[in-house]
C-alpha cells in the first residue's frame, strides 16, 4: 500500500528540487566530486609558497592531515564520553509530559481488522 504522502506533487518546493538525491548514482557523483576537490587542494598545497607562523605548517598537506586526525579524535572522544553521559531510556520518565496517560477519547483510533 502506497502512502498518500509519497506523492512528489504534494512535497514542498525545496523537497521537489532535492528529489534527484534519491538516486544513489547522483549521491555517488557528489561524493566523488568532493574527493576530487580534496585531492586537488592537497596537490595545490605542494605548489604555492606559504607564509607560516609555525615550522610544522611547512609540511605539505599539514592542514588536511591535521583536520582529518582532529575529526577522528572528536569522534573517538564522543564515543568515550557516551559511556558516562548516557542515561537510561526512562531517565526523565517520571517528570516527562509523555509519561502522562493520554485520554482515550482524544485518540483517533481506526480498526484495521475489519
PDB file of N, CA and C in Angstrom:
ATOM      1  N   UNK A   1       0.841  -1.179   0.000  1.00  0.00           N
ATOM      2  CA  UNK A   1       0.000   0.000   0.000  1.00  0.00           C
ATOM      3  C   UNK A   1       0.884   1.239   0.000  1.00  0.00           C
ATOM      4  N   UNK A   2       0.636   2.147  -0.912  1.00  0.00           N
ATOM      5  CA  UNK A   2       1.433   3.355  -1.033  1.00  0.00           C
ATOM      6  C   UNK A   2       0.866   4.432  -0.119  1.00  0.00           C
ATOM      7  N   UNK A   3       1.770   5.099   0.560  1.00  0.00           N
ATOM      8  CA  UNK A   3       1.379   6.184   1.454  1.00  0.00           C
ATOM      9  C   UNK A   3       0.958   7.392   0.620  1.00  0.00           C
ATOM     10  N   UNK A   4      -0.094   8.064   1.020  1.00  0.00           N
ATOM     11  CA  UNK A   4      -0.561   9.229   0.267  1.00  0.00           C
ATOM     12  C   UNK A   4       0.418  10.390   0.355  1.00  0.00           C
ATOM     13  N   UNK A   5       1.348  10.348   1.318  1.00  0.00           N
ATOM     14  CA  UNK A   5       2.329  11.420   1.461  1.00  0.00           C
ATOM     15  C   UNK A   5       3.520  11.237   0.526  1.00  0.00           C
ATOM     16  N   UNK A   6       3.566  10.137  -0.239  1.00  0.00           N
ATOM     17  CA  UNK A   6       4.669   9.876  -1.147  1.00  0.00           C
ATOM     18  C   UNK A   6       4.488  10.521  -2.508  1.00  0.00           C
ATOM     19  N   UNK A   7       3.460  11.282  -2.693  1.00  0.00           N
ATOM     20  CA  UNK A   7       3.204  11.926  -3.971  1.00  0.00           C
ATOM     21  C   UNK A   7       4.097  13.162  -4.096  1.00  0.00           C
ATOM     22  N   UNK A   8       5.069  13.173  -5.031  1.00  0.00           N
ATOM     23  CA  UNK A   8       6.006  14.293  -5.144  1.00  0.00           C
ATOM     24  C   UNK A   8       5.342  15.629  -5.444  1.00  0.00           C
ATOM     25  N   UNK A   9       4.160  15.617  -6.035  1.00  0.00           N
ATOM     26  CA  UNK A   9       3.498  16.888  -6.323  1.00  0.00           C
ATOM     27  C   UNK A   9       3.029  17.579  -5.051  1.00  0.00           C
ATOM     28  N   UNK A  10       2.916  16.823  -3.954  1.00  0.00           N
ATOM     29  CA  UNK A  10       2.481  17.405  -2.684  1.00  0.00           C
ATOM     30  C   UNK A  10       3.655  17.825  -1.805  1.00  0.00           C
ATOM     31  N   UNK A  11       4.896  17.568  -2.268  1.00  0.00           N
ATOM     32  CA  UNK A  11       6.070  17.967  -1.498  1.00  0.00           C
ATOM     33  C   UNK A  11       6.247  19.481  -1.548  1.00  0.00           C
ATOM     34  N   UNK A  12       6.894  20.070  -0.557  1.00  0.00           N
ATOM     35  CA  UNK A  12       7.243  21.489  -0.641  1.00  0.00           C
ATOM     36  C   UNK A  12       8.221  21.712  -1.805  1.00  0.00           C
ATOM     37  N   UNK A  13       8.377  22.958  -2.207  1.00  0.00           N
ATOM     38  CA  UNK A  13       9.212  23.274  -3.373  1.00  0.00           C
ATOM     39  C   UNK A  13      10.636  22.761  -3.205  1.00  0.00           C
ATOM     40  N   UNK A  14      11.230  22.973  -2.055  1.00  0.00           N
ATOM     41  CA  UNK A  14      12.605  22.520  -1.834  1.00  0.00           C
ATOM     42  C   UNK A  14      12.681  21.001  -1.873  1.00  0.00           C
ATOM     43  N   UNK A  15      11.693  20.325  -1.335  1.00  0.00           N
ATOM     44  CA  UNK A  15      11.669  18.869  -1.367  1.00  0.00           C
ATOM     45  C   UNK A  15      11.593  18.337  -2.787  1.00  0.00           C
ATOM     46  N   UNK A  16      10.830  18.998  -3.653  1.00  0.00           N
ATOM     47  CA  UNK A  16      10.748  18.575  -5.054  1.00  0.00           C
ATOM     48  C   UNK A  16      12.078  18.784  -5.763  1.00  0.00           C
ATOM     49  N   UNK A  17      12.782  19.871  -5.430  1.00  0.00           N
ATOM     50  CA  UNK A  17      14.056  20.156  -6.086  1.00  0.00           C
ATOM     51  C   UNK A  17      15.150  19.182  -5.633  1.00  0.00           C
ATOM     52  N   UNK A  18      15.029  18.612  -4.444  1.00  0.00           N
ATOM     53  CA  UNK A  18      16.046  17.706  -3.921  1.00  0.00           C
ATOM     54  C   UNK A  18      15.748  16.237  -4.196  1.00  0.00           C
ATOM     55  N   UNK A  19      14.708  15.944  -4.955  1.00  0.00           N
ATOM     56  CA  UNK A  19      14.359  14.554  -5.255  1.00  0.00           C
ATOM     57  C   UNK A  19      15.450  13.843  -6.045  1.00  0.00           C
ATOM     58  N   UNK A  20      16.286  14.570  -6.767  1.00  0.00           N
ATOM     59  CA  UNK A  20      17.356  13.942  -7.538  1.00  0.00           C
ATOM     60  C   UNK A  20      18.369  13.261  -6.625  1.00  0.00           C
ATOM     61  N   UNK A  21      18.380  13.630  -5.334  1.00  0.00           N
ATOM     62  CA  UNK A  21      19.295  12.985  -4.391  1.00  0.00           C
ATOM     63  C   UNK A  21      18.813  11.600  -3.977  1.00  0.00           C
ATOM     64  N   UNK A  22      17.600  11.227  -4.337  1.00  0.00           N
ATOM     65  CA  UNK A  22      17.102   9.885  -4.047  1.00  0.00           C
ATOM     66  C   UNK A  22      17.808   8.830  -4.894  1.00  0.00           C
ATOM     67  N   UNK A  23      18.378   9.257  -5.990  1.00  0.00           N
ATOM     68  CA  UNK A  23      19.089   8.341  -6.869  1.00  0.00           C
ATOM     69  C   UNK A  23      20.498   8.129  -6.323  1.00  0.00           C
ATOM     70  N   UNK A  24      20.856   6.883  -6.037  1.00  0.00           N
ATOM     71  CA  UNK A  24      22.157   6.557  -5.443  1.00  0.00           C
ATOM     72  C   UNK A  24      23.314   6.988  -6.346  1.00  0.00           C
ATOM     73  N   UNK A  25      23.121   6.908  -7.654  1.00  0.00           N
ATOM     74  CA  UNK A  25      24.174   7.305  -8.594  1.00  0.00           C
ATOM     75  C   UNK A  25      24.518   8.784  -8.451  1.00  0.00           C
ATOM     76  N   UNK A  26      23.514   9.622  -8.218  1.00  0.00           N
ATOM     77  CA  UNK A  26      23.762  11.055  -8.046  1.00  0.00           C
ATOM     78  C   UNK A  26      24.528  11.339  -6.759  1.00  0.00           C
ATOM     79  N   UNK A  27      24.214  10.611  -5.711  1.00  0.00           N
ATOM     80  CA  UNK A  27      24.928  10.789  -4.441  1.00  0.00           C
ATOM     81  C   UNK A  27      26.379  10.359  -4.607  1.00  0.00           C
ATOM     82  N   UNK A  28      26.609   9.261  -5.313  1.00  0.00           N
ATOM     83  CA  UNK A  28      27.981   8.810  -5.564  1.00  0.00           C
ATOM     84  C   UNK A  28      28.758   9.838  -6.375  1.00  0.00           C
ATOM     85  N   UNK A  29      28.107  10.508  -7.310  1.00  0.00           N
ATOM     86  CA  UNK A  29      28.771  11.569  -8.080  1.00  0.00           C
ATOM     87  C   UNK A  29      29.197  12.721  -7.177  1.00  0.00           C
ATOM     88  N   UNK A  30      28.345  13.095  -6.241  1.00  0.00           N
ATOM     89  CA  UNK A  30      28.688  14.179  -5.315  1.00  0.00           C
ATOM     90  C   UNK A  30      29.884  13.785  -4.466  1.00  0.00           C
ATOM     91  N   UNK A  31      29.884  12.551  -3.954  1.00  0.00           N
ATOM     92  CA  UNK A  31      30.989  12.084  -3.113  1.00  0.00           C
ATOM     93  C   UNK A  31      32.276  12.051  -3.921  1.00  0.00           C
ATOM     94  N   UNK A  32      32.226  11.539  -5.143  1.00  0.00           N
ATOM     95  CA  UNK A  32      33.423  11.531  -5.992  1.00  0.00           C
ATOM     96  C   UNK A  32      33.904  12.947  -6.280  1.00  0.00           C
ATOM     97  N   UNK A  33      32.981  13.855  -6.493  1.00  0.00           N
ATOM     98  CA  UNK A  33      33.353  15.249  -6.719  1.00  0.00           C
ATOM     99  C   UNK A  33      34.055  15.854  -5.511  1.00  0.00           C
ATOM    100  N   UNK A  34      33.548  15.555  -4.321  1.00  0.00           N
ATOM    101  CA  UNK A  34      34.196  16.057  -3.101  1.00  0.00           C
ATOM    102  C   UNK A  34      35.582  15.461  -2.927  1.00  0.00           C
ATOM    103  N   UNK A  35      35.732  14.167  -3.232  1.00  0.00           N
ATOM    104  CA  UNK A  35      37.051  13.536  -3.177  1.00  0.00           C
ATOM    105  C   UNK A  35      38.002  14.221  -4.151  1.00  0.00           C
ATOM    106  N   UNK A  36      37.504  14.530  -5.336  1.00  0.00           N
ATOM    107  CA  UNK A  36      38.344  15.186  -6.340  1.00  0.00           C
ATOM    108  C   UNK A  36      38.787  16.567  -5.874  1.00  0.00           C
ATOM    109  N   UNK A  37      37.872  17.324  -5.313  1.00  0.00           N
ATOM    110  CA  UNK A  37      38.217  18.663  -4.818  1.00  0.00           C
ATOM    111  C   UNK A  37      39.254  18.555  -3.711  1.00  0.00           C
ATOM    112  N   UNK A  38      39.091  17.602  -2.804  1.00  0.00           N
ATOM    113  CA  UNK A  38      40.071  17.414  -1.724  1.00  0.00           C
ATOM    114  C   UNK A  38      41.436  17.045  -2.289  1.00  0.00           C
ATOM    115  N   UNK A  39      41.468  16.162  -3.286  1.00  0.00           N
ATOM    116  CA  UNK A  39      42.738  15.762  -3.884  1.00  0.00           C
ATOM    117  C   UNK A  39      43.418  16.938  -4.578  1.00  0.00           C
ATOM    118  N   UNK A  40      42.648  17.744  -5.302  1.00  0.00           N
ATOM    119  CA  UNK A  40      43.214  18.916  -5.980  1.00  0.00           C
ATOM    120  C   UNK A  40      43.769  19.908  -4.964  1.00  0.00           C
ATOM    121  N   UNK A  41      43.037  20.150  -3.893  1.00  0.00           N
ATOM    122  CA  UNK A  41      43.533  21.070  -2.872  1.00  0.00           C
ATOM    123  C   UNK A  41      44.776  20.531  -2.179  1.00  0.00           C
ATOM    124  N   UNK A  42      44.839  19.225  -1.978  1.00  0.00           N
ATOM    125  CA  UNK A  42      46.023  18.622  -1.362  1.00  0.00           C
ATOM    126  C   UNK A  42      47.238  18.784  -2.276  1.00  0.00           C
ATOM    127  N   UNK A  43      47.061  18.538  -3.570  1.00  0.00           N
ATOM    128  CA  UNK A  43      48.157  18.699  -4.525  1.00  0.00           C
ATOM    129  C   UNK A  43      48.551  20.172  -4.631  1.00  0.00           C
ATOM    130  N   UNK A  44      47.580  21.071  -4.588  1.00  0.00           N
ATOM    131  CA  UNK A  44      47.881  22.503  -4.675  1.00  0.00           C
ATOM    132  C   UNK A  44      48.714  22.966  -3.488  1.00  0.00           C
ATOM    133  N   UNK A  45      48.638  22.257  -2.397  1.00  0.00           N
ATOM    134  CA  UNK A  45      49.411  22.624  -1.215  1.00  0.00           C
ATOM    135  C   UNK A  45      50.916  22.479  -1.461  1.00  0.00           C
ATOM    136  N   UNK A  46      51.311  21.654  -2.435  1.00  0.00           N
ATOM    137  CA  UNK A  46      52.720  21.489  -2.773  1.00  0.00           C
ATOM    138  C   UNK A  46      53.220  22.619  -3.681  1.00  0.00           C
ATOM    139  N   UNK A  47      52.333  23.354  -4.300  1.00  0.00           N
ATOM    140  CA  UNK A  47      52.696  24.291  -5.356  1.00  0.00           C
ATOM    141  C   UNK A  47      52.971  25.711  -4.845  1.00  0.00           C
ATOM    142  N   UNK A  48      52.137  26.233  -3.998  1.00  0.00           N
ATOM    143  CA  UNK A  48      52.261  27.644  -3.624  1.00  0.00           C
ATOM    144  C   UNK A  48      53.168  27.833  -2.414  1.00  0.00           C
ATOM    145  N   UNK A  49      53.709  29.045  -2.291  1.00  0.00           N
ATOM    146  CA  UNK A  49      54.597  29.373  -1.165  1.00  0.00           C
ATOM    147  C   UNK A  49      53.753  29.801   0.020  1.00  0.00           C
ATOM    148  N   UNK A  50      54.092  29.271   1.182  1.00  0.00           N
ATOM    149  CA  UNK A  50      53.312  29.562   2.388  1.00  0.00           C
ATOM    150  C   UNK A  50      54.035  30.583   3.249  1.00  0.00           C
ATOM    151  N   UNK A  51      53.257  31.396   3.920  1.00  0.00           N
ATOM    152  CA  UNK A  51      53.783  32.324   4.923  1.00  0.00           C
ATOM    153  C   UNK A  51      53.237  31.832   6.261  1.00  0.00           C
ATOM    154  N   UNK A  52      54.057  31.083   6.971  1.00  0.00           N
ATOM    155  CA  UNK A  52      53.568  30.353   8.141  1.00  0.00           C
ATOM    156  C   UNK A  52      54.106  30.947   9.432  1.00  0.00           C
ATOM    157  N   UNK A  53      53.431  30.633  10.510  1.00  0.00           N
ATOM    158  CA  UNK A  53      53.841  31.051  11.852  1.00  0.00           C
ATOM    159  C   UNK A  53      54.688  29.971  12.526  1.00  0.00           C
ATOM    160  N   UNK A  54      54.299  28.706  12.359  1.00  0.00           N
ATOM    161  CA  UNK A  54      54.990  27.586  12.989  1.00  0.00           C
ATOM    162  C   UNK A  54      55.721  26.760  11.933  1.00  0.00           C
ATOM    163  N   UNK A  55      56.811  26.139  12.315  1.00  0.00           N
ATOM    164  CA  UNK A  55      57.589  25.358  11.341  1.00  0.00           C
ATOM    165  C   UNK A  55      56.844  24.110  10.879  1.00  0.00           C
ATOM    166  N   UNK A  56      55.969  23.576  11.706  1.00  0.00           N
ATOM    167  CA  UNK A  56      55.220  22.374  11.325  1.00  0.00           C
ATOM    168  C   UNK A  56      54.270  22.651  10.155  1.00  0.00           C
ATOM    169  N   UNK A  57      53.892  23.905   9.971  1.00  0.00           N
ATOM    170  CA  UNK A  57      52.987  24.265   8.878  1.00  0.00           C
ATOM    171  C   UNK A  57      53.658  24.177   7.517  1.00  0.00           C
ATOM    172  N   UNK A  58      54.978  24.003   7.474  1.00  0.00           N
ATOM    173  CA  UNK A  58      55.694  23.849   6.200  1.00  0.00           C
ATOM    174  C   UNK A  58      55.445  22.480   5.580  1.00  0.00           C
ATOM    175  N   UNK A  59      54.981  21.525   6.359  1.00  0.00           N
ATOM    176  CA  UNK A  59      54.727  20.176   5.841  1.00  0.00           C
ATOM    177  C   UNK A  59      53.579  20.245   4.834  1.00  0.00           C
ATOM    178  N   UNK A  60      53.808  19.767   3.607  1.00  0.00           N
ATOM    179  CA  UNK A  60      52.722  19.786   2.613  1.00  0.00           C
ATOM    180  C   UNK A  60      51.540  18.940   3.082  1.00  0.00           C
ATOM    181  N   UNK A  61      50.360  19.477   2.949  1.00  0.00           N
ATOM    182  CA  UNK A  61      49.149  18.772   3.350  1.00  0.00           C
ATOM    183  C   UNK A  61      48.923  18.762   4.851  1.00  0.00           C
ATOM    184  N   UNK A  62      49.630  19.594   5.582  1.00  0.00           N
ATOM    185  CA  UNK A  62      49.526  19.598   7.043  1.00  0.00           C
ATOM    186  C   UNK A  62      48.097  19.856   7.510  1.00  0.00           C
ATOM    187  N   UNK A  63      47.451  20.864   6.939  1.00  0.00           N
ATOM    188  CA  UNK A  63      46.109  21.220   7.409  1.00  0.00           C
ATOM    189  C   UNK A  63      45.090  20.126   7.105  1.00  0.00           C
ATOM    190  N   UNK A  64      45.219  19.464   5.967  1.00  0.00           N
ATOM    191  CA  UNK A  64      44.310  18.359   5.651  1.00  0.00           C
ATOM    192  C   UNK A  64      44.509  17.186   6.595  1.00  0.00           C
ATOM    193  N   UNK A  65      45.780  16.847   6.847  1.00  0.00           N
ATOM    194  CA  UNK A  65      46.085  15.732   7.752  1.00  0.00           C
ATOM    195  C   UNK A  65      45.650  16.077   9.172  1.00  0.00           C
ATOM    196  N   UNK A  66      45.955  17.290   9.594  1.00  0.00           N
ATOM    197  CA  UNK A  66      45.574  17.738  10.933  1.00  0.00           C
ATOM    198  C   UNK A  66      44.049  17.717  11.100  1.00  0.00           C
ATOM    199  N   UNK A  67      43.330  18.215  10.096  1.00  0.00           N
ATOM    200  CA  UNK A  67      41.868  18.215  10.151  1.00  0.00           C
ATOM    201  C   UNK A  67      41.295  16.817  10.223  1.00  0.00           C
ATOM    202  N   UNK A  68      41.871  15.897   9.444  1.00  0.00           N
ATOM    203  CA  UNK A  68      41.390  14.517   9.462  1.00  0.00           C
ATOM    204  C   UNK A  68      41.571  13.890  10.840  1.00  0.00           C
ATOM    205  N   UNK A  69      42.766  14.042  11.397  1.00  0.00           N
ATOM    206  CA  UNK A  69      43.020  13.422  12.699  1.00  0.00           C
ATOM    207  C   UNK A  69      42.227  14.083  13.822  1.00  0.00           C
ATOM    208  N   UNK A  70      42.016  15.373  13.745  1.00  0.00           N
ATOM    209  CA  UNK A  70      41.214  16.036  14.782  1.00  0.00           C
ATOM    210  C   UNK A  70      39.748  15.629  14.684  1.00  0.00           C
ATOM    211  N   UNK A  71      39.250  15.442  13.470  1.00  0.00           N
ATOM    212  CA  UNK A  71      37.864  14.970  13.299  1.00  0.00           C
ATOM    213  C   UNK A  71      37.727  13.559  13.857  1.00  0.00           C
ATOM    214  N   UNK A  72      38.700  12.714  13.563  1.00  0.00           N
ATOM    215  CA  UNK A  72      38.676  11.348  14.100  1.00  0.00           C
ATOM    216  C   UNK A  72      38.772  11.374  15.625  1.00  0.00           C
ATOM    217  N   UNK A  73      39.592  12.274  16.175  1.00  0.00           N
ATOM    218  CA  UNK A  73      39.724  12.378  17.630  1.00  0.00           C
ATOM    219  C   UNK A  73      38.413  12.833  18.262  1.00  0.00           C
ATOM    220  N   UNK A  74      37.686  13.737  17.594  1.00  0.00           N
ATOM    221  CA  UNK A  74      36.384  14.167  18.113  1.00  0.00           C
ATOM    222  C   UNK A  74      35.404  13.000  18.187  1.00  0.00           C
ATOM    223  N   UNK A  75      35.404  12.160  17.168  1.00  0.00           N
ATOM    224  CA  UNK A  75      34.504  11.004  17.154  1.00  0.00           C
ATOM    225  C   UNK A  75      34.874  10.039  18.270  1.00  0.00           C
ATOM    226  N   UNK A  76      36.152   9.776  18.435  1.00  0.00           N
ATOM    227  CA  UNK A  76      36.604   8.853  19.486  1.00  0.00           C
ATOM    228  C   UNK A  76      36.280   9.416  20.866  1.00  0.00           C
ATOM    229  N   UNK A  77      36.500  10.718  21.066  1.00  0.00           N
ATOM    230  CA  UNK A  77      36.172  11.345  22.359  1.00  0.00           C
ATOM    231  C   UNK A  77      34.670  11.306  22.621  1.00  0.00           C
ATOM    232  N   UNK A  78      33.879  11.522  21.584  1.00  0.00           N
ATOM    233  CA  UNK A  78      32.429  11.477  21.760  1.00  0.00           C
ATOM    234  C   UNK A  78      31.976  10.078  22.162  1.00  0.00           C
ATOM    235  N   UNK A  79      32.585   9.055  21.572  1.00  0.00           N
ATOM    236  CA  UNK A  79      32.236   7.685  21.957  1.00  0.00           C
ATOM    237  C   UNK A  79      32.621   7.411  23.397  1.00  0.00           C
ATOM    238  N   UNK A  80      33.782   7.922  23.820  1.00  0.00           N
ATOM    239  CA  UNK A  80      34.211   7.725  25.203  1.00  0.00           C
ATOM    240  C   UNK A  80      33.300   8.481  26.166  1.00  0.00           C
ATOM    241  N   UNK A  81      32.902   9.690  25.804  1.00  0.00           N
ATOM    242  CA  UNK A  81      32.020  10.475  26.672  1.00  0.00           C
ATOM    243  C   UNK A  81      30.652   9.831  26.803  1.00  0.00           C
ATOM    244  N   UNK A  82      30.251   9.092  25.787  1.00  0.00           N
ATOM    245  CA  UNK A  82      28.945   8.431  25.810  1.00  0.00           C
ATOM    246  C   UNK A  82      28.846   7.442  26.966  1.00  0.00           C
ATOM    247  N   UNK A  83      29.976   6.868  27.350  1.00  0.00           N
ATOM    248  CA  UNK A  83      29.981   5.870  28.428  1.00  0.00           C
ATOM    249  C   UNK A  83      29.460   6.454  29.739  1.00  0.00           C
ATOM    250  N   UNK A  84      29.833   7.700  30.038  1.00  0.00           N
ATOM    251  CA  UNK A  84      29.399   8.255  31.328  1.00  0.00           C
ATOM    252  C   UNK A  84      28.319   9.331  31.193  1.00  0.00           C
ATOM    253  N   UNK A  85      27.979   9.755  29.986  1.00  0.00           N
ATOM    254  CA  UNK A  85      26.896  10.720  29.813  1.00  0.00           C
ATOM    255  C   UNK A  85      25.568  10.061  29.447  1.00  0.00           C
ATOM    256  N   UNK A  86      25.617   8.823  28.991  1.00  0.00           N
ATOM    257  CA  UNK A  86      24.413   8.128  28.548  1.00  0.00           C
ATOM    258  C   UNK A  86      23.474   7.880  29.729  1.00  0.00           C
ATOM    259  N   UNK A  87      22.209   8.101  29.502  1.00  0.00           N
ATOM    260  CA  UNK A  87      21.175   7.875  30.524  1.00  0.00           C
ATOM    261  C   UNK A  87      20.236   6.764  30.066  1.00  0.00           C
ATOM    262  N   UNK A  88      19.544   6.176  31.019  1.00  0.00           N
ATOM    263  CA  UNK A  88      18.552   5.154  30.687  1.00  0.00           C
ATOM    264  C   UNK A  88      17.437   5.772  29.851  1.00  0.00           C
ATOM    265  N   UNK A  89      16.740   4.909  29.150  1.00  0.00           N
ATOM    266  CA  UNK A  89      15.661   5.377  28.284  1.00  0.00           C
ATOM    267  C   UNK A  89      14.566   6.091  29.065  1.00  0.00           C
ATOM    268  N   UNK A  90      14.310   5.648  30.284  1.00  0.00           N
ATOM    269  CA  UNK A  90      13.241   6.245  31.092  1.00  0.00           C
ATOM    270  C   UNK A  90      13.794   7.194  32.166  1.00  0.00           C
ATOM    271  N   UNK A  91      14.944   7.786  31.920  1.00  0.00           N
ATOM    272  CA  UNK A  91      15.590   8.665  32.901  1.00  0.00           C
ATOM    273  C   UNK A  91      14.694   9.853  33.273  1.00  0.00           C
ATOM    274  N   UNK A  92      14.062  10.458  32.278  1.00  0.00           N
ATOM    275  CA  UNK A  92      13.201  11.615  32.526  1.00  0.00           C
ATOM    276  C   UNK A  92      11.734  11.225  32.705  1.00  0.00           C
ATOM    277  N   UNK A  93      11.427   9.955  32.635  1.00  0.00           N
ATOM    278  CA  UNK A  93      10.041   9.486  32.595  1.00  0.00           C
ATOM    279  C   UNK A  93       9.146  10.014  33.721  1.00  0.00           C
ATOM    280  N   UNK A  94       9.571  10.044  34.973  1.00  0.00           N
ATOM    281  CA  UNK A  94       8.627  10.497  35.999  1.00  0.00           C
ATOM    282  C   UNK A  94       8.198  11.956  35.830  1.00  0.00           C
ATOM    283  N   UNK A  95       9.020  12.751  35.164  1.00  0.00           N
ATOM    284  CA  UNK A  95       8.732  14.184  35.035  1.00  0.00           C
ATOM    285  C   UNK A  95       8.389  14.585  33.608  1.00  0.00           C
ATOM    286  N   UNK A  96       8.380  13.629  32.705  1.00  0.00           N
ATOM    287  CA  UNK A  96       8.146  13.916  31.302  1.00  0.00           C
ATOM    288  C   UNK A  96       6.653  14.013  31.011  1.00  0.00           C
ATOM    289  N   UNK A  97       6.303  14.914  30.110  1.00  0.00           N
ATOM    290  CA  UNK A  97       4.902  15.081  29.717  1.00  0.00           C
ATOM    291  C   UNK A  97       4.400  13.822  29.018  1.00  0.00           C
ATOM    292  N   UNK A  98       5.264  13.168  28.259  1.00  0.00           N
ATOM    293  CA  UNK A  98       4.846  11.960  27.529  1.00  0.00           C
ATOM    294  C   UNK A  98       4.574  10.782  28.450  1.00  0.00           C
ATOM    295  N   UNK A  99       4.984  10.863  29.697  1.00  0.00           N
ATOM    296  CA  UNK A  99       4.704   9.771  30.620  1.00  0.00           C
ATOM    297  C   UNK A  99       3.270   9.845  31.152  1.00  0.00           C
ATOM    298  N   UNK A 100       2.602  10.963  30.935  1.00  0.00           N
ATOM    299  CA  UNK A 100       1.211  11.098  31.371  1.00  0.00           C
ATOM    300  C   UNK A 100       0.315  10.269  30.467  1.00  0.00           C
ATOM    301  N   UNK A 101      -0.726   9.756  31.021  1.00  0.00           N
ATOM    302  CA  UNK A 101      -1.682   8.967  30.261  1.00  0.00           C
ATOM    303  C   UNK A 101      -2.544   9.902  29.417  1.00  0.00           C
ATOM    304  N   UNK A 102      -2.650   9.615  28.131  1.00  0.00           N
ATOM    305  CA  UNK A 102      -3.456  10.436  27.233  1.00  0.00           C
ATOM    306  C   UNK A 102      -4.888   9.913  27.262  1.00  0.00           C
ATOM    307  N   UNK A 103      -5.863  10.800  27.334  1.00  0.00           N
ATOM    308  CA  UNK A 103      -7.253  10.322  27.395  1.00  0.00           C
ATOM    309  C   UNK A 103      -7.648   9.601  26.104  1.00  0.00           C
ATOM    310  N   UNK A 104      -8.249   8.441  26.262  1.00  0.00           N
ATOM    311  CA  UNK A 104      -8.653   7.633  25.118  1.00  0.00           C
ATOM    312  C   UNK A 104      -9.647   8.325  24.212  1.00  0.00           C
ATOM    313  N   UNK A 105     -10.433   9.239  24.754  1.00  0.00           N
ATOM    314  CA  UNK A 105     -11.421   9.933  23.921  1.00  0.00           C
ATOM    315  C   UNK A 105     -10.749  10.873  22.924  1.00  0.00           C
ATOM    316  N   UNK A 106      -9.523  11.274  23.180  1.00  0.00           N
ATOM    317  CA  UNK A 106      -8.826  12.182  22.276  1.00  0.00           C
ATOM    318  C   UNK A 106      -8.040  11.468  21.198  1.00  0.00           C
ATOM    319  N   UNK A 107      -8.050  10.135  21.217  1.00  0.00           N
ATOM    320  CA  UNK A 107      -7.327   9.373  20.225  1.00  0.00           C
ATOM    321  C   UNK A 107      -8.220   9.041  19.047  1.00  0.00           C
ATOM    322  N   UNK A 108      -7.690   9.170  17.861  1.00  0.00           N
ATOM    323  CA  UNK A 108      -8.430   8.822  16.657  1.00  0.00           C
ATOM    324  C   UNK A 108      -8.053   7.397  16.277  1.00  0.00           C
ATOM    325  N   UNK A 109      -8.727   6.435  16.863  1.00  0.00           N
ATOM    326  CA  UNK A 109      -8.404   5.027  16.645  1.00  0.00           C
ATOM    327  C   UNK A 109      -9.129   4.489  15.429  1.00  0.00           C
ATOM    328  N   UNK A 110      -8.413   3.666  14.667  1.00  0.00           N
ATOM    329  CA  UNK A 110      -9.007   3.053  13.492  1.00  0.00           C
ATOM    330  C   UNK A 110      -8.904   1.545  13.646  1.00  0.00           C
ATOM    331  N   UNK A 111      -9.906   0.860  13.191  1.00  0.00           N
ATOM    332  CA  UNK A 111      -9.948  -0.598  13.266  1.00  0.00           C
ATOM    333  C   UNK A 111      -9.577  -1.148  11.891  1.00  0.00           C
ATOM    334  N   UNK A 112      -8.400  -1.752  11.792  1.00  0.00           N
ATOM    335  CA  UNK A 112      -7.935  -2.311  10.515  1.00  0.00           C
ATOM    336  C   UNK A 112      -8.239  -3.799  10.402  1.00  0.00           C
ATOM    337  N   UNK A 113      -8.815  -4.392  11.426  1.00  0.00           N
ATOM    338  CA  UNK A 113      -9.115  -5.828  11.387  1.00  0.00           C
ATOM    339  C   UNK A 113     -10.317  -6.140  10.525  1.00  0.00           C
ATOM    340  N   UNK A 114     -11.177  -5.181  10.326  1.00  0.00           N
ATOM    341  CA  UNK A 114     -12.424  -5.436   9.590  1.00  0.00           C
ATOM    342  C   UNK A 114     -12.217  -5.547   8.116  1.00  0.00           C
TER     343      UNK A 114
END
